[in-house]
Amino acid sequence: MSDRVLIADSDRMRSKAIAEACSERGVACDVVVHGAEALEAALIDRPGALIVQMGLPLIDGPRLGSILRSNPHTEDVAVLYLADHPADEKRKDLDGELLLPPVDPERVARRVQVLLMQRSSDRSEGERGRSVEPGGVEGQIAQLPLSDLLELFHTSRRTGVIVLARTDASGEGQSGRVLMQGGDVIHAETAGVDGAKALYRLLTWDRGNFVFRPEPVPDAARIQTSTRALLREGLRQIKEWERLAFALPPSDAHARLRTKRGALPNVIHPLTQEVLSVLEQHSRVRDVVDACTFPDYQVLRTLHTLIERGVVELGRGPVDFAERAEAALFTPNQVRRLREWLEATRSNGGGSDAKLLVVASDDRAIAEMARLMSEIPDVEIDARLAAGALSGGDLATLARVRVGDDLGIEIVNLPPHRRFEPIWSVAGYGALGTVFLLSTPVADAIEATRGPDSALRRLPRSRVFHVAFIDKDEEDAMETLRQNVALLEEGSLFLIPLGSDDKARVLLRDLFARILP
């Protein structure tokens, strides 16, 4: 059997375009225009793959495929059918893959290349003395980029693991894995990062080797976004990265804040929040990129923007973070602003503390908030909450945040249950704002807090913040939040990663600093 491809198609323009696309990938083709000629050529030359029009004259595509399958000399020829009409998708008599119109020659060429690689791997198993599972594929990333490979496996609904390996510019070996189930990407990992972030990183590889092993994969999907959406976004980021490559900060440089966190605007995008919080723990750009949950390009682009605006500067050496962990929660200027706000809003004097409402989607969110707050200086947790005697359904004080010697913020839990609806608006009057605590799954948490969120937003000068505690198993939480733009504004959203307490505490400190007027 040869490595040539036989194209049997009465559409001469289309067959020529497919042949040219295959030729650009190093695949030689023979072209015929009717079924009788195709049968003769296939029996004589035994092509590696057959691309055949469904409505091929004289002998149509399905009939030709059936004849070749019944012949021992051509039974293993891979067949790609070119549909003439979308209704062809309903055909049940096809022993091969069907490509619906309009047919993209590049897509056909990519699919043929994978089929030929697969056949080469199966054929060479005995020759090289190593195991390549039936249905497996291996090759060079330079010849078949990961994006093309994923698109092809998505179309053919493959299940298995893609293992990638390369040597970087410094000579260090790198590896990665992508898990697919029924054609969908469900997980990826490389160099200590995983999920969509790892996949976007692997899509940038332009050299190295890949091996696809068809095998069962875990049922739990860590990536929920559709494969086509992942590929679109990944390729968009690659193009942007290439366009701005020389402007982005180098990976070995060290970044440091030039501006105090308290002097920054109150409304900051979650991505910027995370970058700033990571800069409280890491200074080398490479480490900042790895520590952030957002894709590499987005983190580098954000660092670039912060550098342009004078918020961050690049230096040569690492930053000492020892003093930052013990820094006061509020700056003197913030203390002064809170005191002035209390004096202006309380004509009768009132108490010495401001009030901050908390609405939790469930008890888990309350417990997580209490655990993180207990490790922040100047926050005193209520004894009942510390003992586990309070839940999200209790109207009670949770903690007090010390702002000054005679000034503080009382954190009051406001239950989201309907029986408390009459007091939602009443509790909101005179409050600094409301913090909604959302646990995963985020969609359920948003629904659980929708009532008080709507009621409190109707108050004059209402200020609303959302803290989402994100599990690693729910990587699409940000997308879920974006779909609720009527409910959430990204500038008031804080994503707290569970399992990364240092980053979580920095973000929580940032939240407290930003609730001040």
Protein backbone atom coordinates (compact mmCIF):
# COMPACT_ATOMS: atom_id res chain seq x y z
CA MET A 1 0.00 0.00 0.00
CA SER A 2 1.37 3.41 -1.00
CA ASP A 3 1.27 6.72 0.88
CA ARG A 4 -0.51 8.40 -2.02
CA VAL A 5 -4.06 9.64 -1.74
CA LEU A 6 -6.74 8.98 -4.34
CA ILE A 7 -9.26 11.78 -4.87
CA ALA A 8 -12.45 10.68 -6.66
CA ASP A 9 -14.58 13.74 -7.29
CA SER A 10 -16.55 15.00 -10.29
CA ASP A 11 -16.08 18.58 -9.06
CA ARG A 12 -12.76 19.32 -10.77
CA MET A 13 -12.22 22.69 -9.06
CA ARG A 14 -12.76 21.17 -5.63
CA SER A 15 -10.53 18.13 -6.27
CA LYS A 16 -7.77 20.42 -7.55
CA ALA A 17 -7.98 22.59 -4.43
CA ILE A 18 -7.86 19.50 -2.17
CA ALA A 19 -4.87 18.09 -4.08
CA GLU A 20 -3.01 21.41 -3.72
CA ALA A 21 -3.74 21.55 0.02
CA CYS A 22 -2.47 17.97 0.43
CA SER A 23 0.63 18.74 -1.64
CA GLU A 24 1.50 21.66 0.66
CA ARG A 25 1.57 19.13 3.50
CA GLY A 26 3.79 16.73 1.60
CA VAL A 27 1.00 14.33 0.60
CA ALA A 28 0.94 13.20 -3.05
CA CYS A 29 -2.46 12.74 -4.74
CA ASP A 30 -4.00 11.14 -7.81
CA VAL A 31 -7.28 12.59 -9.10
CA VAL A 32 -10.10 10.81 -10.97
CA VAL A 33 -13.59 12.02 -11.90
CA HIS A 34 -15.86 8.93 -11.83
CA GLY A 35 -16.35 5.71 -9.91
CA ALA A 36 -15.13 3.21 -12.51
CA GLU A 37 -11.81 4.99 -12.85
CA ALA A 38 -11.54 5.27 -9.07
CA LEU A 39 -12.12 1.52 -8.58
CA GLU A 40 -9.48 0.61 -11.12
CA ALA A 41 -6.91 3.01 -9.63
CA ALA A 42 -7.60 1.82 -6.08
CA LEU A 43 -7.21 -1.88 -6.96
CA ILE A 44 -3.97 -1.30 -8.85
CA ASP A 45 -2.20 1.27 -6.65
CA ARG A 46 -3.80 0.57 -3.21
CA PRO A 47 -3.78 4.18 -1.96
CA GLY A 48 -3.25 5.04 1.66
CA ALA A 49 -6.52 7.00 1.75
CA LEU A 50 -9.48 7.63 -0.52
CA ILE A 51 -11.32 10.97 -0.69
CA VAL A 52 -14.58 10.27 -2.49
CA GLN A 53 -17.64 12.30 -3.48
CA MET A 54 -20.90 10.83 -2.17
CA GLY A 55 -22.61 11.32 -5.55
CA LEU A 56 -19.67 10.18 -7.65
CA PRO A 57 -20.80 9.27 -11.23
CA LEU A 58 -20.96 5.60 -12.39
CA ILE A 59 -20.14 4.17 -8.95
CA ASP A 60 -21.17 6.41 -6.10
CA GLY A 61 -19.08 6.96 -2.97
CA PRO A 62 -20.83 4.57 -0.56
CA ARG A 63 -20.85 1.78 -3.15
CA LEU A 64 -17.17 2.32 -3.96
CA GLY A 65 -16.26 2.25 -0.28
CA SER A 66 -18.21 -0.98 0.20
CA ILE A 67 -16.40 -2.65 -2.73
CA LEU A 68 -12.98 -1.68 -1.40
CA ARG A 69 -13.84 -2.83 2.12
CA SER A 70 -14.82 -6.28 0.81
CA ASN A 71 -11.51 -6.73 -1.02
CA PRO A 72 -8.63 -8.08 1.18
CA HIS A 73 -6.12 -5.95 -0.75
CA THR A 74 -7.94 -2.65 -0.08
CA GLU A 75 -9.94 -3.35 3.08
CA ASP A 76 -7.74 -1.09 5.22
CA VAL A 77 -7.91 1.96 2.94
CA ALA A 78 -9.08 4.96 4.97
CA VAL A 79 -12.11 6.62 3.36
CA LEU A 80 -13.25 10.25 3.63
CA TYR A 81 -16.66 10.95 2.08
CA LEU A 82 -17.47 14.41 0.70
CA ALA A 83 -21.17 15.04 1.22
CA ASP A 84 -23.16 16.71 -1.57
CA HIS A 85 -26.03 17.69 0.75
CA PRO A 86 -26.41 18.16 4.53
CA ALA A 87 -28.99 15.33 4.46
CA ASP A 88 -26.13 12.90 3.75
CA GLU A 89 -25.29 13.13 7.44
CA LYS A 90 -28.21 10.74 8.12
CA ARG A 91 -26.66 7.93 6.05
CA LYS A 92 -25.96 4.82 8.13
CA ASP A 93 -24.13 2.78 5.48
CA LEU A 94 -20.82 4.68 5.50
CA ASP A 95 -17.68 2.94 6.71
CA GLY A 96 -15.64 6.10 7.04
CA GLU A 97 -15.80 9.76 7.98
CA LEU A 98 -18.26 12.15 6.31
CA LEU A 99 -17.40 15.81 5.73
CA LEU A 100 -20.45 18.03 5.24
CA PRO A 101 -20.60 20.91 2.76
CA PRO A 102 -19.13 23.38 2.27
CA VAL A 103 -15.94 21.34 2.06
CA ASP A 104 -12.77 23.14 3.19
CA PRO A 105 -9.74 21.78 1.29
CA GLU A 106 -7.43 22.63 4.19
CA ARG A 107 -9.59 20.69 6.60
CA VAL A 108 -9.64 17.69 4.24
CA ALA A 109 -5.85 17.81 3.92
CA ARG A 110 -5.38 17.93 7.68
CA ARG A 111 -7.69 14.98 8.18
CA VAL A 112 -5.91 12.94 5.51
CA GLN A 113 -2.55 13.72 7.09
CA VAL A 114 -3.71 12.34 10.43
CA LEU A 115 -5.11 9.19 8.78
CA LEU A 116 -1.81 8.56 6.99
CA MET A 117 0.16 9.13 10.21
CA GLN A 118 -2.10 6.69 11.98
CA ARG A 119 -1.61 4.07 9.27
CA SER A 120 2.17 4.63 9.34
CA SER A 121 2.23 4.13 13.11
CA ASP A 122 0.22 0.90 12.89
CA ARG A 123 2.44 -0.40 10.07
CA SER A 124 5.72 0.41 11.81
CA GLU A 125 4.78 -1.13 15.14
CA GLY A 126 6.44 -4.42 14.33
CA GLU A 127 9.29 -2.87 12.36
CA ARG A 128 10.49 -0.57 15.14
CA GLY A 129 9.73 -2.96 18.00
CA ARG A 130 7.71 -0.45 19.97
CA SER A 131 4.04 -0.27 20.82
CA VAL A 132 1.72 2.19 19.13
CA GLU A 133 -1.90 1.29 19.90
CA PRO A 134 -4.26 0.64 17.00
CA GLY A 135 -5.86 3.96 16.21
CA GLY A 136 -2.91 5.85 17.67
CA VAL A 137 -1.23 8.76 15.91
CA GLU A 138 2.23 10.25 16.29
CA GLY A 139 4.09 13.00 14.51
CA GLN A 140 5.85 16.36 14.62
CA ILE A 141 4.13 19.49 15.91
CA ALA A 142 5.82 21.51 13.18
CA GLN A 143 4.02 19.40 10.58
CA LEU A 144 0.68 19.13 12.38
CA PRO A 145 0.08 21.82 15.03
CA LEU A 146 -1.86 20.90 18.13
CA SER A 147 -4.77 23.15 17.08
CA ASP A 148 -5.20 21.16 13.85
CA LEU A 149 -4.89 17.87 15.70
CA LEU A 150 -7.56 18.85 18.23
CA GLU A 151 -9.91 20.02 15.49
CA LEU A 152 -9.54 16.72 13.65
CA PHE A 153 -10.05 14.61 16.77
CA HIS A 154 -13.02 16.78 17.68
CA THR A 155 -14.60 16.09 14.30
CA SER A 156 -13.98 12.34 14.56
CA ARG A 157 -15.07 12.26 18.25
CA ARG A 158 -11.91 10.54 19.45
CA THR A 159 -11.28 9.57 23.08
CA GLY A 160 -7.77 9.32 24.46
CA VAL A 161 -4.64 11.18 25.54
CA ILE A 162 -2.34 13.40 23.49
CA VAL A 163 1.18 13.44 24.97
CA LEU A 164 3.46 16.26 23.79
CA ALA A 165 7.19 16.74 24.33
CA ARG A 166 9.72 19.33 23.26
CA THR A 167 13.08 20.86 24.17
CA ASP A 168 12.95 24.59 24.86
CA ALA A 169 15.52 27.19 23.81
CA SER A 170 17.61 26.56 26.94
CA GLY A 171 17.81 22.83 26.23
CA GLU A 172 15.37 21.89 28.99
CA GLY A 173 12.84 19.18 28.24
CA GLN A 174 9.14 20.00 28.54
CA SER A 175 6.06 17.84 28.32
CA GLY A 176 2.29 18.19 28.35
CA ARG A 177 -0.90 16.19 28.10
CA VAL A 178 -4.35 16.83 26.65
CA LEU A 179 -7.26 14.55 27.52
CA MET A 180 -10.12 14.12 25.05
CA GLN A 181 -13.45 12.42 25.53
CA GLY A 182 -15.76 11.93 22.58
CA GLY A 183 -13.88 14.63 20.68
CA ASP A 184 -14.07 17.20 23.49
CA VAL A 185 -11.04 18.54 25.36
CA ILE A 186 -11.73 17.86 29.05
CA HIS A 187 -8.32 18.51 30.63
CA ALA A 188 -4.78 19.68 29.90
CA GLU A 189 -1.63 19.98 31.96
CA THR A 190 1.97 21.14 31.54
CA ALA A 191 4.75 22.54 33.72
CA GLY A 192 2.70 22.75 36.92
CA VAL A 193 -0.37 24.42 35.39
CA ASP A 194 -3.53 22.72 34.24
CA GLY A 195 -6.95 23.28 32.71
CA ALA A 196 -7.59 25.86 30.00
CA LYS A 197 -4.48 27.82 31.00
CA ALA A 198 -2.32 24.77 30.23
CA LEU A 199 -4.11 24.15 26.93
CA TYR A 200 -3.54 27.72 25.74
CA ARG A 201 0.14 27.35 26.65
CA LEU A 202 0.47 24.08 24.71
CA LEU A 203 -1.19 25.65 21.66
CA THR A 204 1.78 28.04 21.40
CA TRP A 205 4.25 25.17 20.90
CA ASP A 206 5.60 25.24 17.34
CA ARG A 207 8.00 22.32 17.62
CA GLY A 208 8.33 18.97 19.33
CA ASN A 209 6.61 15.59 19.08
CA PHE A 210 3.12 14.33 19.81
CA VAL A 211 1.64 10.89 20.36
CA PHE A 212 -2.09 10.20 20.58
CA ARG A 213 -3.05 7.11 22.59
CA PRO A 214 -6.68 5.96 22.28
CA GLU A 215 -7.61 4.93 25.81
CA PRO A 216 -10.31 5.58 28.43
CA VAL A 217 -10.01 8.90 30.29
CA PRO A 218 -11.55 10.00 33.62
CA ASP A 219 -15.20 11.01 33.39
CA ALA A 220 -14.76 14.21 35.41
CA ALA A 221 -14.24 17.08 32.96
CA ARG A 222 -11.97 19.83 34.29
CA ILE A 223 -12.55 21.97 31.20
CA GLN A 224 -16.20 22.74 30.45
CA THR A 225 -15.78 25.22 27.58
CA SER A 226 -16.56 23.84 24.12
CA THR A 227 -13.54 22.66 22.16
CA ARG A 228 -14.22 24.96 19.23
CA ALA A 229 -14.50 27.96 21.57
CA LEU A 230 -11.20 26.97 23.21
CA LEU A 231 -9.47 26.75 19.84
CA ARG A 232 -10.88 30.10 18.68
CA GLU A 233 -9.72 31.83 21.84
CA GLY A 234 -6.34 30.07 21.84
CA LEU A 235 -5.58 31.07 18.25
CA ARG A 236 -6.76 34.63 18.92
CA GLN A 237 -4.35 34.89 21.86
CA ILE A 238 -1.49 33.49 19.77
CA LYS A 239 -2.04 36.13 17.07
CA GLU A 240 -2.19 38.91 19.67
CA TRP A 241 0.91 37.52 21.40
CA GLU A 242 2.84 37.51 18.12
CA ARG A 243 1.76 41.07 17.40
CA LEU A 244 2.90 42.36 20.81
CA ALA A 245 5.78 39.95 21.43
CA PHE A 246 8.47 42.65 21.64
CA ALA A 247 6.42 44.84 23.98
CA LEU A 248 5.53 42.18 26.56
CA PRO A 249 7.76 41.91 29.66
CA PRO A 250 10.51 39.24 29.45
CA SER A 251 10.00 36.12 31.55
CA ASP A 252 13.21 36.53 33.61
CA ALA A 253 12.59 40.17 34.55
CA HIS A 254 11.34 41.10 38.03
CA ALA A 255 8.24 43.25 38.49
CA ARG A 256 7.34 45.36 41.50
CA LEU A 257 4.53 47.72 42.44
CA ARG A 258 5.32 51.42 42.24
CA THR A 259 1.95 52.46 43.68
CA LYS A 260 0.44 51.50 47.02
CA ARG A 261 -2.54 49.19 46.62
CA GLY A 262 -4.78 51.56 48.53
CA ALA A 263 -4.09 54.33 46.02
CA LEU A 264 -5.44 52.29 43.11
CA PRO A 265 -9.01 52.77 41.78
CA ASN A 266 -11.79 50.95 43.58
CA VAL A 267 -13.03 49.29 40.39
CA ILE A 268 -10.51 46.81 39.02
CA HIS A 269 -11.03 43.88 36.64
CA PRO A 270 -10.59 40.44 38.30
CA LEU A 271 -7.60 39.70 36.06
CA THR A 272 -5.86 42.88 37.23
CA GLN A 273 -6.82 42.05 40.82
CA GLU A 274 -5.17 38.66 40.53
CA VAL A 275 -2.01 40.00 38.91
CA LEU A 276 -1.66 42.61 41.66
CA SER A 277 -2.26 40.02 44.36
CA VAL A 278 0.33 37.66 42.89
CA LEU A 279 2.83 40.54 42.81
CA GLU A 280 2.46 40.54 46.60
CA GLN A 281 4.08 37.08 46.60
CA HIS A 282 6.22 36.83 43.44
CA SER A 283 8.34 39.25 41.46
CA ARG A 284 9.83 37.27 38.57
CA VAL A 285 7.55 37.59 35.55
CA ARG A 286 7.68 33.87 34.81
CA ASP A 287 6.54 33.07 38.36
CA VAL A 288 3.75 35.66 38.18
CA VAL A 289 2.49 34.10 34.95
CA ASP A 290 2.56 30.59 36.47
CA ALA A 291 0.85 31.66 39.70
CA CYS A 292 -2.06 33.40 37.97
CA THR A 293 -5.05 31.30 36.94
CA PHE A 294 -5.69 33.36 33.81
CA PRO A 295 -4.02 32.40 30.47
CA ASP A 296 -0.36 33.39 30.01
CA TYR A 297 -0.97 35.97 27.29
CA GLN A 298 -3.66 37.76 29.30
CA VAL A 299 -1.37 37.97 32.34
CA LEU A 300 1.53 39.33 30.27
CA ARG A 301 -0.74 41.82 28.54
CA THR A 302 -2.03 43.02 31.91
CA LEU A 303 1.53 43.40 33.23
CA HIS A 304 2.38 45.36 30.08
CA THR A 305 -0.58 47.70 30.67
CA LEU A 306 0.31 48.20 34.35
CA ILE A 307 3.89 49.02 33.38
CA GLU A 308 2.71 51.54 30.77
CA ARG A 309 0.50 53.23 33.38
CA GLY A 310 3.30 53.45 35.92
CA VAL A 311 1.65 51.10 38.44
CA VAL A 312 4.33 48.41 38.01
CA GLU A 313 8.01 48.69 37.12
CA LEU A 314 10.55 46.13 35.97
CA GLY A 315 13.76 45.60 37.93
CA ARG A 316 16.74 43.31 37.95
CA GLY A 317 16.50 41.60 41.30
CA PRO A 318 13.77 39.84 43.33
CA VAL A 319 11.55 41.72 45.76
CA ASP A 320 11.54 41.20 49.53
CA PHE A 321 7.94 40.44 50.55
CA ALA A 322 8.48 40.14 54.31
CA GLU A 323 7.11 43.58 55.16
CA ARG A 324 4.02 43.29 52.99
CA ALA A 325 2.46 40.40 54.91
CA GLU A 326 2.42 42.49 58.11
CA ALA A 327 1.34 45.76 56.51
CA ALA A 328 -1.70 47.49 57.93
CA LEU A 329 -5.00 46.71 56.25
CA PHE A 330 -5.82 50.39 55.63
CA THR A 331 -3.71 53.40 54.78
CA PRO A 332 -4.04 56.63 56.82
CA ASN A 333 -5.82 58.23 53.85
CA GLN A 334 -8.39 55.43 53.79
CA VAL A 335 -8.99 55.76 57.54
CA ARG A 336 -9.59 59.48 57.07
CA ARG A 337 -12.06 58.84 54.22
CA LEU A 338 -14.07 56.36 56.28
CA ARG A 339 -14.24 58.73 59.23
CA GLU A 340 -15.47 61.56 56.99
CA TRP A 341 -18.05 59.25 55.41
CA LEU A 342 -19.42 58.27 58.82
CA GLU A 343 -19.66 61.88 59.91
CA ALA A 344 -21.50 62.85 56.73
CA THR A 345 -23.98 59.95 56.78
CA ARG A 346 -24.84 59.90 60.50
CA SER A 347 -26.38 63.19 61.51
CA ASN A 348 -27.38 61.80 64.91
CA GLY A 349 -23.91 60.62 65.76
CA GLY A 350 -24.62 56.88 65.64
CA GLY A 351 -22.00 54.32 66.54
CA SER A 352 -18.30 54.43 65.86
CA ASP A 353 -18.38 51.52 63.44
CA ALA A 354 -19.48 51.32 59.83
CA LYS A 355 -21.65 48.41 58.71
CA LEU A 356 -20.84 45.95 55.91
CA LEU A 357 -23.45 43.38 54.88
CA VAL A 358 -22.54 39.85 53.83
CA VAL A 359 -24.92 37.58 51.91
CA ALA A 360 -23.71 33.99 51.52
CA SER A 361 -25.01 31.52 48.97
CA ASP A 362 -24.54 28.66 51.47
CA ASP A 363 -22.83 27.68 54.72
CA ARG A 364 -19.69 26.62 52.87
CA ALA A 365 -19.13 30.17 51.66
CA ILE A 366 -19.54 31.52 55.20
CA ALA A 367 -17.06 28.99 56.60
CA GLU A 368 -14.49 29.73 53.89
CA MET A 369 -14.76 33.48 54.45
CA ALA A 370 -14.38 33.03 58.23
CA ARG A 371 -11.32 30.82 57.79
CA LEU A 372 -9.54 33.34 55.59
CA MET A 373 -10.53 36.36 57.68
CA SER A 374 -9.21 34.72 60.85
CA GLU A 375 -5.67 34.88 59.45
CA ILE A 376 -5.79 38.57 58.51
CA PRO A 377 -4.46 41.11 61.04
CA ASP A 378 -7.02 43.59 62.37
CA VAL A 379 -9.97 41.18 61.84
CA GLU A 380 -11.69 39.82 64.96
CA ILE A 381 -13.99 36.85 64.26
CA ASP A 382 -17.17 36.52 66.35
CA ALA A 383 -16.77 33.71 68.88
CA ARG A 384 -19.93 31.96 67.68
CA LEU A 385 -18.73 31.95 64.09
CA ALA A 386 -15.29 30.69 65.13
CA ALA A 387 -16.99 27.85 67.02
CA GLY A 388 -19.10 26.92 64.00
CA ALA A 389 -22.32 27.98 65.68
CA LEU A 390 -23.38 30.46 62.99
CA SER A 391 -24.60 29.68 59.47
CA GLY A 392 -25.66 31.60 56.37
CA GLY A 393 -29.25 31.48 57.63
CA ASP A 394 -28.53 33.51 60.78
CA LEU A 395 -28.97 37.27 61.03
CA ALA A 396 -25.89 37.98 63.13
CA THR A 397 -22.56 39.80 63.38
CA LEU A 398 -19.76 37.73 61.89
CA ALA A 399 -16.68 39.83 62.60
CA ARG A 400 -15.25 43.29 63.22
CA VAL A 401 -12.51 44.82 61.11
CA ARG A 402 -10.34 47.30 62.99
CA VAL A 403 -9.76 50.43 60.88
CA GLY A 404 -8.41 52.82 63.53
CA ASP A 405 -8.10 53.11 67.30
CA ASP A 406 -11.77 54.04 67.69
CA LEU A 407 -13.05 53.04 64.28
CA GLY A 408 -14.08 49.73 62.75
CA ILE A 409 -16.30 47.91 60.27
CA GLU A 410 -18.94 45.54 61.63
CA ILE A 411 -19.58 42.63 59.26
CA VAL A 412 -23.22 41.54 59.48
CA ASN A 413 -24.62 38.41 57.84
CA LEU A 414 -27.89 38.97 55.93
CA PRO A 415 -29.61 35.65 55.09
CA PRO A 416 -30.79 35.23 51.46
CA HIS A 417 -33.82 33.13 52.42
CA ARG A 418 -37.21 34.51 51.39
CA ARG A 419 -38.50 34.78 54.96
CA PHE A 420 -35.95 37.59 55.47
CA GLU A 421 -37.12 39.53 52.41
CA PRO A 422 -38.86 42.30 54.43
CA ILE A 423 -35.57 43.32 56.07
CA TRP A 424 -33.25 43.14 53.05
CA SER A 425 -33.73 46.78 52.07
CA VAL A 426 -33.92 47.97 55.67
CA ALA A 427 -30.58 46.36 56.49
CA GLY A 428 -29.00 47.97 53.45
CA TYR A 429 -29.66 51.56 54.49
CA GLY A 430 -26.56 53.20 55.91
CA ALA A 431 -24.28 50.28 54.98
CA LEU A 432 -20.92 50.70 53.33
CA GLY A 433 -22.02 48.06 50.85
CA THR A 434 -22.87 44.40 50.46
CA VAL A 435 -20.51 41.51 49.77
CA PHE A 436 -22.10 38.45 48.17
CA LEU A 437 -20.21 35.24 48.91
CA LEU A 438 -20.59 32.70 46.12
CA SER A 439 -19.42 29.10 46.27
CA THR A 440 -19.38 26.57 43.44
CA PRO A 441 -21.25 25.72 41.34
CA VAL A 442 -21.40 29.43 40.62
CA ALA A 443 -24.66 29.28 38.63
CA ASP A 444 -26.49 27.86 41.67
CA ALA A 445 -24.87 30.41 43.99
CA ILE A 446 -25.99 33.31 41.80
CA GLU A 447 -29.55 32.01 41.79
CA ALA A 448 -29.51 31.55 45.59
CA THR A 449 -28.59 35.21 46.16
CA ARG A 450 -30.61 36.78 43.35
CA GLY A 451 -33.40 38.06 45.65
CA PRO A 452 -31.33 40.17 48.05
CA ASP A 453 -29.05 41.26 45.22
CA SER A 454 -31.99 42.76 43.35
CA ALA A 455 -33.43 44.38 46.48
CA LEU A 456 -30.17 45.97 47.64
CA ARG A 457 -29.29 47.31 44.21
CA ARG A 458 -32.43 49.44 44.25
CA LEU A 459 -31.18 51.40 47.25
CA PRO A 460 -29.66 54.85 46.61
CA ARG A 461 -25.87 54.83 46.34
CA SER A 462 -25.78 51.05 46.73
CA ARG A 463 -22.36 49.41 46.46
CA VAL A 464 -22.23 45.70 45.70
CA PHE A 465 -19.25 43.34 45.63
CA HIS A 466 -19.08 39.65 44.80
CA VAL A 467 -16.56 37.17 46.17
CA ALA A 468 -16.54 33.85 44.30
CA PHE A 469 -14.69 30.95 45.94
CA ILE A 470 -13.54 28.95 42.92
CA ASP A 471 -12.65 25.26 42.99
CA LYS A 472 -10.11 23.98 40.49
CA ASP A 473 -12.85 21.64 39.24
CA GLU A 474 -14.91 24.61 38.05
CA GLU A 475 -12.60 26.37 35.64
CA ASP A 476 -15.49 27.90 33.73
CA ALA A 477 -16.79 29.85 36.72
CA MET A 478 -15.60 33.12 35.17
CA GLU A 479 -17.58 32.40 32.00
CA THR A 480 -20.68 31.66 34.09
CA LEU A 481 -20.27 35.00 35.85
CA ARG A 482 -19.84 36.86 32.58
CA GLN A 483 -23.12 35.41 31.37
CA ASN A 484 -24.81 37.23 34.26
CA VAL A 485 -23.69 40.73 33.29
CA ALA A 486 -27.00 42.16 34.45
CA LEU A 487 -26.21 40.87 37.92
CA LEU A 488 -22.46 41.27 38.17
CA GLU A 489 -19.96 43.94 37.19
CA GLU A 490 -16.47 42.55 36.73
CA GLY A 491 -14.91 45.50 38.51
CA SER A 492 -16.65 44.50 41.77
CA LEU A 493 -15.88 40.80 41.41
CA PHE A 494 -13.17 39.02 43.40
CA LEU A 495 -12.24 35.46 42.40
CA ILE A 496 -10.79 33.67 45.43
CA PRO A 497 -8.98 30.45 44.41
CA LEU A 498 -9.48 27.63 46.90
CA GLY A 499 -6.28 25.76 47.64
CA SER A 500 -4.11 28.88 47.34
CA ASP A 501 -4.45 30.55 50.74
CA ASP A 502 -1.67 33.09 50.26
CA LYS A 503 -3.26 34.46 47.11
CA ALA A 504 -6.74 34.27 48.68
CA ARG A 505 -5.68 36.31 51.72
CA VAL A 506 -4.11 39.00 49.54
CA LEU A 507 -7.30 39.29 47.48
CA LEU A 508 -9.38 39.43 50.66
CA ARG A 509 -7.18 42.22 52.03
CA ASP A 510 -7.70 44.02 48.73
CA LEU A 511 -11.46 43.61 49.07
CA PHE A 512 -11.49 45.19 52.53
CA ALA A 513 -9.40 48.10 51.26
CA ARG A 514 -11.81 48.68 48.35
CA ILE A 515 -15.08 48.66 50.25
CA LEU A 516 -14.18 52.01 51.76
CA PRO A 517 -15.93 55.04 50.21
